[in-house]
Amino acid sequence: MSPQDAAAHRDELARGRELYREGGLRQSWEIDSAQHGAVCLFEAGSAEQAQAMADSFPRVAQGAVQTQLIALRPDPAYFQVF
């Protein structure tokens, strides 16, 4: 890894830790495939808030990484009383 790549990676991790401490980033997983990337679970009040958090990562802000936002909601089947 080049020094520039290492610095960019450190910046990404620092932003992730910051969002985690603030309660916005709940979890992050690396994609285990030939593709490089991650899946992040954000806690947000709106899609716009979630997108703003994703956009705040340095590589996203620089246009080096693309994001796709997928809204999730609780599955009602797990909340039924048996």
N, C-alpha and C. Protein backbone atom coordinates (compact mmCIF):
# COMPACT_ATOMS: atom_id res chain seq x y z
N MET A 1 0.85 -1.18 0.00
CA MET A 1 0.00 0.00 0.00
C MET A 1 0.89 1.23 0.00
N SER A 2 0.59 2.14 -0.89
CA SER A 2 1.39 3.37 -0.99
C SER A 2 1.11 4.26 0.23
N PRO A 3 2.03 5.16 0.52
CA PRO A 3 1.78 6.09 1.63
C PRO A 3 0.49 6.90 1.44
N GLN A 4 0.17 7.27 0.20
CA GLN A 4 -1.06 8.02 -0.05
C GLN A 4 -2.29 7.17 0.21
N ASP A 5 -2.24 5.90 -0.22
CA ASP A 5 -3.36 4.99 0.04
C ASP A 5 -3.52 4.73 1.53
N ALA A 6 -2.39 4.59 2.23
CA ALA A 6 -2.45 4.37 3.68
C ALA A 6 -3.08 5.56 4.39
N ALA A 7 -2.72 6.77 3.95
CA ALA A 7 -3.29 7.98 4.56
C ALA A 7 -4.79 8.06 4.28
N ALA A 8 -5.20 7.75 3.06
CA ALA A 8 -6.62 7.78 2.71
C ALA A 8 -7.39 6.75 3.53
N HIS A 9 -6.79 5.58 3.73
CA HIS A 9 -7.43 4.53 4.52
C HIS A 9 -7.59 4.99 5.97
N ARG A 10 -6.57 5.61 6.53
CA ARG A 10 -6.65 6.13 7.90
C ARG A 10 -7.76 7.17 8.02
N ASP A 11 -7.88 8.04 7.01
CA ASP A 11 -8.93 9.07 7.04
C ASP A 11 -10.32 8.43 7.01
N GLU A 12 -10.49 7.39 6.19
CA GLU A 12 -11.77 6.68 6.12
C GLU A 12 -12.11 6.06 7.48
N LEU A 13 -11.13 5.40 8.09
CA LEU A 13 -11.36 4.77 9.39
C LEU A 13 -11.68 5.80 10.45
N ALA A 14 -10.99 6.93 10.42
CA ALA A 14 -11.24 7.99 11.40
C ALA A 14 -12.66 8.52 11.26
N ARG A 15 -13.12 8.72 10.03
CA ARG A 15 -14.49 9.21 9.83
C ARG A 15 -15.51 8.17 10.30
N GLY A 16 -15.24 6.91 10.02
CA GLY A 16 -16.13 5.84 10.48
C GLY A 16 -16.23 5.79 11.99
N ARG A 17 -15.09 5.92 12.67
CA ARG A 17 -15.11 5.92 14.14
C ARG A 17 -15.88 7.12 14.69
N GLU A 18 -15.71 8.27 14.03
CA GLU A 18 -16.42 9.47 14.44
C GLU A 18 -17.94 9.28 14.32
N LEU A 19 -18.38 8.76 13.18
CA LEU A 19 -19.81 8.51 12.99
C LEU A 19 -20.33 7.47 13.97
N TYR A 20 -19.51 6.47 14.30
CA TYR A 20 -19.91 5.45 15.26
C TYR A 20 -20.10 6.06 16.64
N ARG A 21 -19.16 6.90 17.06
CA ARG A 21 -19.26 7.56 18.37
C ARG A 21 -20.49 8.47 18.44
N GLU A 22 -20.85 9.09 17.31
CA GLU A 22 -22.01 9.98 17.26
C GLU A 22 -23.33 9.21 17.19
N GLY A 23 -23.26 7.90 16.96
CA GLY A 23 -24.46 7.08 16.88
C GLY A 23 -25.05 6.93 15.49
N GLY A 24 -24.39 7.48 14.50
CA GLY A 24 -24.90 7.40 13.13
C GLY A 24 -24.53 6.12 12.41
N LEU A 25 -23.32 5.66 12.62
CA LEU A 25 -22.87 4.42 11.99
C LEU A 25 -23.06 3.29 12.99
N ARG A 26 -23.91 2.34 12.65
CA ARG A 26 -24.20 1.23 13.56
C ARG A 26 -23.27 0.05 13.33
N GLN A 27 -22.96 -0.23 12.06
CA GLN A 27 -22.13 -1.39 11.74
C GLN A 27 -21.54 -1.19 10.36
N SER A 28 -20.40 -1.82 10.12
CA SER A 28 -19.78 -1.77 8.80
C SER A 28 -19.16 -3.12 8.52
N TRP A 29 -19.38 -3.62 7.31
CA TRP A 29 -18.82 -4.90 6.89
C TRP A 29 -18.04 -4.71 5.60
N GLU A 30 -16.91 -5.39 5.47
CA GLU A 30 -16.20 -5.43 4.20
C GLU A 30 -16.90 -6.43 3.29
N ILE A 31 -16.93 -6.12 2.00
CA ILE A 31 -17.48 -7.05 1.03
C ILE A 31 -16.41 -8.09 0.73
N ASP A 32 -16.75 -9.35 0.94
CA ASP A 32 -15.80 -10.45 0.75
C ASP A 32 -15.95 -11.00 -0.66
N SER A 33 -15.31 -10.33 -1.61
CA SER A 33 -15.39 -10.76 -3.00
C SER A 33 -14.26 -10.11 -3.78
N ALA A 34 -14.26 -10.31 -5.07
CA ALA A 34 -13.26 -9.68 -5.92
C ALA A 34 -13.48 -8.17 -5.98
N GLN A 35 -14.70 -7.73 -5.66
CA GLN A 35 -14.98 -6.30 -5.62
C GLN A 35 -14.50 -5.74 -4.28
N HIS A 36 -14.02 -4.53 -4.31
CA HIS A 36 -13.64 -3.87 -3.07
C HIS A 36 -14.80 -3.00 -2.63
N GLY A 37 -15.08 -2.98 -1.35
CA GLY A 37 -16.15 -2.14 -0.86
C GLY A 37 -16.59 -2.51 0.53
N ALA A 38 -17.65 -1.87 0.94
CA ALA A 38 -18.18 -2.10 2.28
C ALA A 38 -19.69 -1.90 2.27
N VAL A 39 -20.32 -2.47 3.27
CA VAL A 39 -21.74 -2.25 3.51
C VAL A 39 -21.81 -1.62 4.90
N CYS A 40 -22.49 -0.49 4.97
CA CYS A 40 -22.61 0.23 6.24
C CYS A 40 -24.09 0.32 6.62
N LEU A 41 -24.36 0.18 7.89
CA LEU A 41 -25.70 0.33 8.43
C LEU A 41 -25.72 1.63 9.23
N PHE A 42 -26.50 2.61 8.73
CA PHE A 42 -26.60 3.91 9.39
C PHE A 42 -27.91 4.00 10.15
N GLU A 43 -27.89 4.71 11.26
CA GLU A 43 -29.08 5.07 12.02
C GLU A 43 -29.38 6.52 11.69
N ALA A 44 -30.48 6.74 10.97
CA ALA A 44 -30.79 8.09 10.52
C ALA A 44 -32.29 8.32 10.55
N GLY A 45 -32.67 9.58 10.67
CA GLY A 45 -34.07 9.94 10.69
C GLY A 45 -34.68 10.06 9.31
N SER A 46 -33.81 10.09 8.29
CA SER A 46 -34.31 10.22 6.92
C SER A 46 -33.26 9.68 5.95
N ALA A 47 -33.69 9.44 4.74
CA ALA A 47 -32.75 8.99 3.70
C ALA A 47 -31.70 10.07 3.44
N GLU A 48 -32.11 11.33 3.53
CA GLU A 48 -31.17 12.43 3.30
C GLU A 48 -30.08 12.45 4.36
N GLN A 49 -30.44 12.18 5.61
CA GLN A 49 -29.44 12.12 6.68
C GLN A 49 -28.47 10.96 6.45
N ALA A 50 -28.99 9.81 6.07
CA ALA A 50 -28.13 8.66 5.81
C ALA A 50 -27.19 8.94 4.65
N GLN A 51 -27.71 9.56 3.58
CA GLN A 51 -26.86 9.88 2.44
C GLN A 51 -25.78 10.89 2.81
N ALA A 52 -26.13 11.85 3.65
CA ALA A 52 -25.15 12.84 4.10
C ALA A 52 -24.03 12.17 4.89
N MET A 53 -24.37 11.19 5.71
CA MET A 53 -23.33 10.47 6.45
C MET A 53 -22.42 9.71 5.49
N ALA A 54 -23.01 9.01 4.54
CA ALA A 54 -22.21 8.27 3.55
C ALA A 54 -21.33 9.24 2.76
N ASP A 55 -21.89 10.37 2.38
CA ASP A 55 -21.14 11.35 1.59
C ASP A 55 -20.02 12.01 2.38
N SER A 56 -20.04 11.90 3.72
CA SER A 56 -19.03 12.54 4.55
C SER A 56 -17.72 11.74 4.62
N PHE A 57 -17.72 10.52 4.11
CA PHE A 57 -16.47 9.76 4.07
C PHE A 57 -15.56 10.41 3.03
N PRO A 58 -14.27 10.58 3.34
CA PRO A 58 -13.37 11.31 2.44
C PRO A 58 -13.34 10.79 1.00
N ARG A 59 -13.27 9.50 0.82
CA ARG A 59 -13.18 8.97 -0.55
C ARG A 59 -14.49 9.17 -1.32
N VAL A 60 -15.60 9.16 -0.62
CA VAL A 60 -16.88 9.45 -1.27
C VAL A 60 -16.91 10.92 -1.67
N ALA A 61 -16.51 11.80 -0.74
CA ALA A 61 -16.50 13.24 -1.02
C ALA A 61 -15.59 13.58 -2.19
N GLN A 62 -14.51 12.82 -2.36
CA GLN A 62 -13.56 13.06 -3.46
C GLN A 62 -14.05 12.45 -4.78
N GLY A 63 -15.12 11.67 -4.73
CA GLY A 63 -15.63 11.03 -5.94
C GLY A 63 -14.92 9.74 -6.29
N ALA A 64 -14.08 9.24 -5.39
CA ALA A 64 -13.32 8.00 -5.65
C ALA A 64 -14.15 6.76 -5.34
N VAL A 65 -15.20 6.91 -4.55
CA VAL A 65 -16.05 5.80 -4.14
C VAL A 65 -17.50 6.19 -4.40
N GLN A 66 -18.26 5.26 -4.95
CA GLN A 66 -19.67 5.49 -5.17
C GLN A 66 -20.49 4.83 -4.07
N THR A 67 -21.65 5.38 -3.79
CA THR A 67 -22.53 4.81 -2.78
C THR A 67 -23.89 4.49 -3.39
N GLN A 68 -24.56 3.57 -2.73
CA GLN A 68 -25.95 3.25 -3.06
C GLN A 68 -26.70 3.15 -1.75
N LEU A 69 -27.74 3.92 -1.61
CA LEU A 69 -28.53 3.93 -0.39
C LEU A 69 -29.74 3.02 -0.55
N ILE A 70 -29.91 2.11 0.39
CA ILE A 70 -31.05 1.20 0.40
C ILE A 70 -31.74 1.37 1.74
N ALA A 71 -32.96 1.89 1.72
CA ALA A 71 -33.70 2.11 2.96
C ALA A 71 -34.21 0.78 3.50
N LEU A 72 -34.10 0.61 4.80
CA LEU A 72 -34.56 -0.60 5.47
C LEU A 72 -35.65 -0.24 6.47
N ARG A 73 -36.51 -1.18 6.77
CA ARG A 73 -37.51 -1.01 7.82
C ARG A 73 -37.64 -2.35 8.54
N PRO A 74 -38.13 -2.33 9.77
CA PRO A 74 -38.29 -3.59 10.51
C PRO A 74 -39.24 -4.54 9.78
N ASP A 75 -38.94 -5.81 9.87
CA ASP A 75 -39.81 -6.84 9.31
C ASP A 75 -40.93 -7.11 10.31
N PRO A 76 -42.18 -6.82 9.95
CA PRO A 76 -43.28 -6.98 10.91
C PRO A 76 -43.47 -8.42 11.38
N ALA A 77 -43.00 -9.38 10.64
CA ALA A 77 -43.15 -10.79 11.04
C ALA A 77 -42.41 -11.06 12.37
N TYR A 78 -41.35 -10.31 12.65
CA TYR A 78 -40.61 -10.54 13.88
C TYR A 78 -41.20 -9.82 15.08
N PHE A 79 -42.25 -9.04 14.85
CA PHE A 79 -42.86 -8.30 15.94
C PHE A 79 -44.26 -8.81 16.28
N GLN A 80 -44.68 -9.86 15.64
CA GLN A 80 -46.00 -10.42 15.93
C GLN A 80 -45.95 -11.18 17.25
N VAL A 81 -47.02 -11.10 17.98
CA VAL A 81 -47.12 -11.84 19.24
C VAL A 81 -47.65 -13.23 18.93
N PHE A 82 -46.96 -14.23 19.41
CA PHE A 82 -47.37 -15.61 19.13
C PHE A 82 -48.23 -16.16 20.25
